[in-house]
């Protein structure tokens, strides 16, 4: 059984719960907790890749705002779902804004640490690719 305090929260999610235990442990070991205040921006369109995130508590609104100020909502990500993985694959700047909805607690897997891990363990790339299909 995993002793990480957020393991059971994450196990409620389809993607994470189907990962090999070794990968779950590695992801938790490199993770950091991040808290957002209501309306606080996690990242915005054009920002460099910063990693992937799991919502542990609260929610994150992902979308974009046009030059005219009109918001296009892509999704509201709630616990225990993950987001931000596309930048891991294409290395391109963020395509959307991510903003906390209410008080929000996230698990953050930093971009550089995750890429280094995947370089050392290329067999896990497929598992990260599956995240994009959820």
Foldseek 3Di string as FASTA:
>chain_A
DDPPPQVVQLCVDDLLVPDDPVVNVLQSVQKDKDKAAAFAWPDAFQAFQWFKKAWRAAWKWKWAADPVRDTDTPDIHHTGAMDRLVCLPPRGGDHIIITTHHITMMIGRTNVNVNVVCVVVVVCVVSSVVSVVD
